[in-house]
C-alpha atoms as a PDB file:
ATOM      1  CA  MET A   1     -16.099  10.649   4.296  1.00  0.00           C
ATOM      2  CA  VAL A   2     -14.272   9.352   7.105  1.00  0.00           C
ATOM      3  CA  GLU A   3     -14.551   5.723   8.267  1.00  0.00           C
ATOM      4  CA  ILE A   4     -12.841   4.423  11.673  1.00  0.00           C
ATOM      5  CA  SER A   5     -11.667   0.910  11.221  1.00  0.00           C
ATOM      6  CA  SER A   6     -10.418  -0.488  14.822  1.00  0.00           C
ATOM      7  CA  SER A   7      -7.547  -2.885  14.879  1.00  0.00           C
ATOM      8  CA  ILE A   8      -8.531  -6.037  16.798  1.00  0.00           C
ATOM      9  CA  MET A   9      -4.716  -7.077  17.115  1.00  0.00           C
ATOM     10  CA  CYS A  10      -4.617  -3.972  19.888  1.00  0.00           C
ATOM     11  CA  ALA A  11      -7.370  -5.543  21.720  1.00  0.00           C
ATOM     12  CA  ASP A  12      -7.018  -7.346  25.142  1.00  0.00           C
ATOM     13  CA  PHE A  13      -7.704 -11.135  23.738  1.00  0.00           C
ATOM     14  CA  SER A  14      -9.105 -12.122  27.169  1.00  0.00           C
ATOM     15  CA  ARG A  15     -12.244  -9.981  26.861  1.00  0.00           C
ATOM     16  CA  LEU A  16     -12.258  -9.852  22.935  1.00  0.00           C
ATOM     17  CA  ALA A  17     -16.169 -10.367  22.272  1.00  0.00           C
ATOM     18  CA  GLU A  18     -16.771  -7.424  24.965  1.00  0.00           C
ATOM     19  CA  GLU A  19     -14.183  -5.248  23.529  1.00  0.00           C
ATOM     20  CA  VAL A  20     -15.699  -5.786  19.936  1.00  0.00           C
ATOM     21  CA  SER A  21     -19.228  -4.717  21.545  1.00  0.00           C
ATOM     22  CA  GLU A  22     -17.668  -1.910  23.121  1.00  0.00           C
ATOM     23  CA  LEU A  23     -16.034  -0.481  20.212  1.00  0.00           C
ATOM     24  CA  GLU A  24     -19.357  -1.197  18.031  1.00  0.00           C
ATOM     25  CA  LYS A  25     -21.200   1.040  20.524  1.00  0.00           C
ATOM     26  CA  ALA A  26     -18.538   3.588  20.350  1.00  0.00           C
ATOM     27  CA  GLY A  27     -19.183   3.989  16.729  1.00  0.00           C
ATOM     28  CA  VAL A  28     -16.448   2.227  14.966  1.00  0.00           C
ATOM     29  CA  ASP A  29     -17.314   1.429  11.051  1.00  0.00           C
ATOM     30  CA  LEU A  30     -15.433  -1.720  10.760  1.00  0.00           C
ATOM     31  CA  PHE A  31     -12.867  -3.966  12.333  1.00  0.00           C
ATOM     32  CA  HIS A  32      -9.379  -4.681  11.105  1.00  0.00           C
ATOM     33  CA  PHE A  33      -7.644  -7.945  11.597  1.00  0.00           C
ATOM     34  CA  ASP A  34      -3.896  -7.959  11.016  1.00  0.00           C
ATOM     35  CA  ILE A  35      -2.704 -11.624   9.960  1.00  0.00           C
ATOM     36  CA  ASN A  36       0.750 -12.150  10.728  1.00  0.00           C
ATOM     37  CA  ASP A  37       2.583 -15.357   9.809  1.00  0.00           C
ATOM     38  CA  GLY A  38       6.048 -14.909  11.576  1.00  0.00           C
ATOM     39  CA  ASN A  39       7.436 -15.441   8.053  1.00  0.00           C
ATOM     40  CA  PHE A  40       6.456 -12.288   5.955  1.00  0.00           C
ATOM     41  CA  VAL A  41       6.625 -10.256   9.112  1.00  0.00           C
ATOM     42  CA  PRO A  42       8.180 -11.323  12.388  1.00  0.00           C
ATOM     43  CA  THR A  43       5.176 -11.454  14.729  1.00  0.00           C
ATOM     44  CA  ILE A  44       2.617 -14.250  14.873  1.00  0.00           C
ATOM     45  CA  THR A  45      -0.975 -12.964  15.582  1.00  0.00           C
ATOM     46  CA  MET A  46      -4.554 -14.731  14.479  1.00  0.00           C
ATOM     47  CA  GLY A  47      -5.874 -16.837  12.026  1.00  0.00           C
ATOM     48  CA  PRO A  48      -9.450 -17.508  10.624  1.00  0.00           C
ATOM     49  CA  LEU A  49     -10.926 -19.368  13.594  1.00  0.00           C
ATOM     50  CA  LEU A  50     -10.570 -16.172  15.674  1.00  0.00           C
ATOM     51  CA  LEU A  51     -12.257 -14.011  13.001  1.00  0.00           C
ATOM     52  CA  ASN A  52     -15.066 -16.781  12.577  1.00  0.00           C
ATOM     53  CA  SER A  53     -15.485 -16.534  16.603  1.00  0.00           C
ATOM     54  CA  LEU A  54     -16.331 -12.960  16.146  1.00  0.00           C
ATOM     55  CA  ARG A  55     -18.197 -12.826  13.149  1.00  0.00           C
ATOM     56  CA  ASN A  56     -21.675 -13.477  15.003  1.00  0.00           C
ATOM     57  CA  LYS A  57     -20.373 -10.905  17.664  1.00  0.00           C
ATOM     58  CA  SER A  58     -20.966  -7.796  15.387  1.00  0.00           C
ATOM     59  CA  ASP A  59     -22.436  -7.214  12.016  1.00  0.00           C
ATOM     60  CA  LEU A  60     -20.006  -4.602  11.018  1.00  0.00           C
ATOM     61  CA  PRO A  61     -17.402  -5.320   8.377  1.00  0.00           C
ATOM     62  CA  PHE A  62     -14.427  -7.380   8.794  1.00  0.00           C
ATOM     63  CA  GLU A  63     -11.264  -6.233   7.259  1.00  0.00           C
ATOM     64  CA  VAL A  64      -8.648  -8.734   6.757  1.00  0.00           C
ATOM     65  CA  HIS A  65      -4.615  -7.366   6.219  1.00  0.00           C
ATOM     66  CA  LEU A  66      -2.723 -10.620   5.159  1.00  0.00           C
ATOM     67  CA  GLN A  67       0.705  -9.963   5.986  1.00  0.00           C
ATOM     68  CA  ILE A  68       1.764 -13.525   5.366  1.00  0.00           C
ATOM     69  CA  THR A  69       3.806 -15.063   2.696  1.00  0.00           C
ATOM     70  CA  ASN A  70       1.843 -16.734  -0.316  1.00  0.00           C
ATOM     71  CA  PRO A  71      -1.680 -15.488   1.094  1.00  0.00           C
ATOM     72  CA  GLN A  72      -3.204 -16.706  -2.024  1.00  0.00           C
ATOM     73  CA  HIS A  73      -3.365 -20.090  -0.177  1.00  0.00           C
ATOM     74  CA  HIS A  74      -5.469 -18.348   2.740  1.00  0.00           C
ATOM     75  CA  ILE A  75      -7.839 -16.118   1.219  1.00  0.00           C
ATOM     76  CA  LYS A  76     -10.634 -18.592   0.883  1.00  0.00           C
ATOM     77  CA  SER A  77     -10.155 -19.516   4.730  1.00  0.00           C
ATOM     78  CA  PHE A  78     -10.813 -16.234   5.703  1.00  0.00           C
ATOM     79  CA  LEU A  79     -13.434 -15.237   3.255  1.00  0.00           C
ATOM     80  CA  ASP A  80     -15.104 -18.212   4.659  1.00  0.00           C
ATOM     81  CA  ALA A  81     -14.497 -17.267   8.206  1.00  0.00           C
ATOM     82  CA  GLY A  82     -16.520 -14.074   7.574  1.00  0.00           C
ATOM     83  CA  ALA A  83     -13.978 -11.581   6.164  1.00  0.00           C
ATOM     84  CA  ASP A  84     -15.626  -8.757   3.816  1.00  0.00           C
ATOM     85  CA  PHE A  85     -12.391  -7.356   2.680  1.00  0.00           C
ATOM     86  CA  VAL A  86      -9.109  -8.627   2.259  1.00  0.00           C
ATOM     87  CA  ILE A  87      -5.904  -6.612   2.050  1.00  0.00           C
ATOM     88  CA  VAL A  88      -2.736  -8.355   0.747  1.00  0.00           C
ATOM     89  CA  HIS A  89       0.873  -7.403  -0.054  1.00  0.00           C
ATOM     90  CA  LEU A  90       1.484  -8.015  -3.523  1.00  0.00           C
ATOM     91  CA  GLU A  91       5.315  -8.704  -2.899  1.00  0.00           C
ATOM     92  CA  ALA A  92       4.249 -11.441  -0.411  1.00  0.00           C
ATOM     93  CA  SER A  93       3.871 -13.684  -3.634  1.00  0.00           C
ATOM     94  CA  ILE A  94       6.223 -14.452  -6.823  1.00  0.00           C
ATOM     95  CA  TYR A  95       2.714 -14.102  -8.647  1.00  0.00           C
ATOM     96  CA  PRO A  96       0.632 -11.238  -7.450  1.00  0.00           C
ATOM     97  CA  PHE A  97      -1.947 -11.530 -10.259  1.00  0.00           C
ATOM     98  CA  ARG A  98      -2.890 -14.766  -8.827  1.00  0.00           C
ATOM     99  CA  ILE A  99      -3.682 -13.212  -5.523  1.00  0.00           C
ATOM    100  CA  VAL A 100      -6.053 -10.738  -7.242  1.00  0.00           C
ATOM    101  CA  GLU A 101      -7.757 -13.701  -9.142  1.00  0.00           C
ATOM    102  CA  GLY A 102      -7.835 -15.794  -6.153  1.00  0.00           C
ATOM    103  CA  ILE A 103      -9.969 -13.055  -4.144  1.00  0.00           C
ATOM    104  CA  LYS A 104     -12.275 -12.324  -6.977  1.00  0.00           C
ATOM    105  CA  LYS A 105     -12.808 -16.139  -7.560  1.00  0.00           C
ATOM    106  CA  ALA A 106     -13.491 -16.722  -4.064  1.00  0.00           C
ATOM    107  CA  VAL A 107     -15.986 -14.114  -3.616  1.00  0.00           C
END
């Protein structure tokens, strides 16, 4: 089974709600949010407020890819903002098992 995950980072942010609606009508299965902090990776993208602002615009799952240093400090805020899936880089923390424990505790 193939699922299509559309990256929000590639959207036109000036028309974000419209693009989410268009992509949903086109048949995507979920939305992918690349969260970059400018430290773990060189770019800075978006945070939980943006994700939360789109949560009522779509019933599709939201997949959050935390490309950030110490993601365990931010997992709960993204889950509270409406994330359905969380992807982390285990090398982003010196205690990777705490990341997994944090995700499991938060859900």
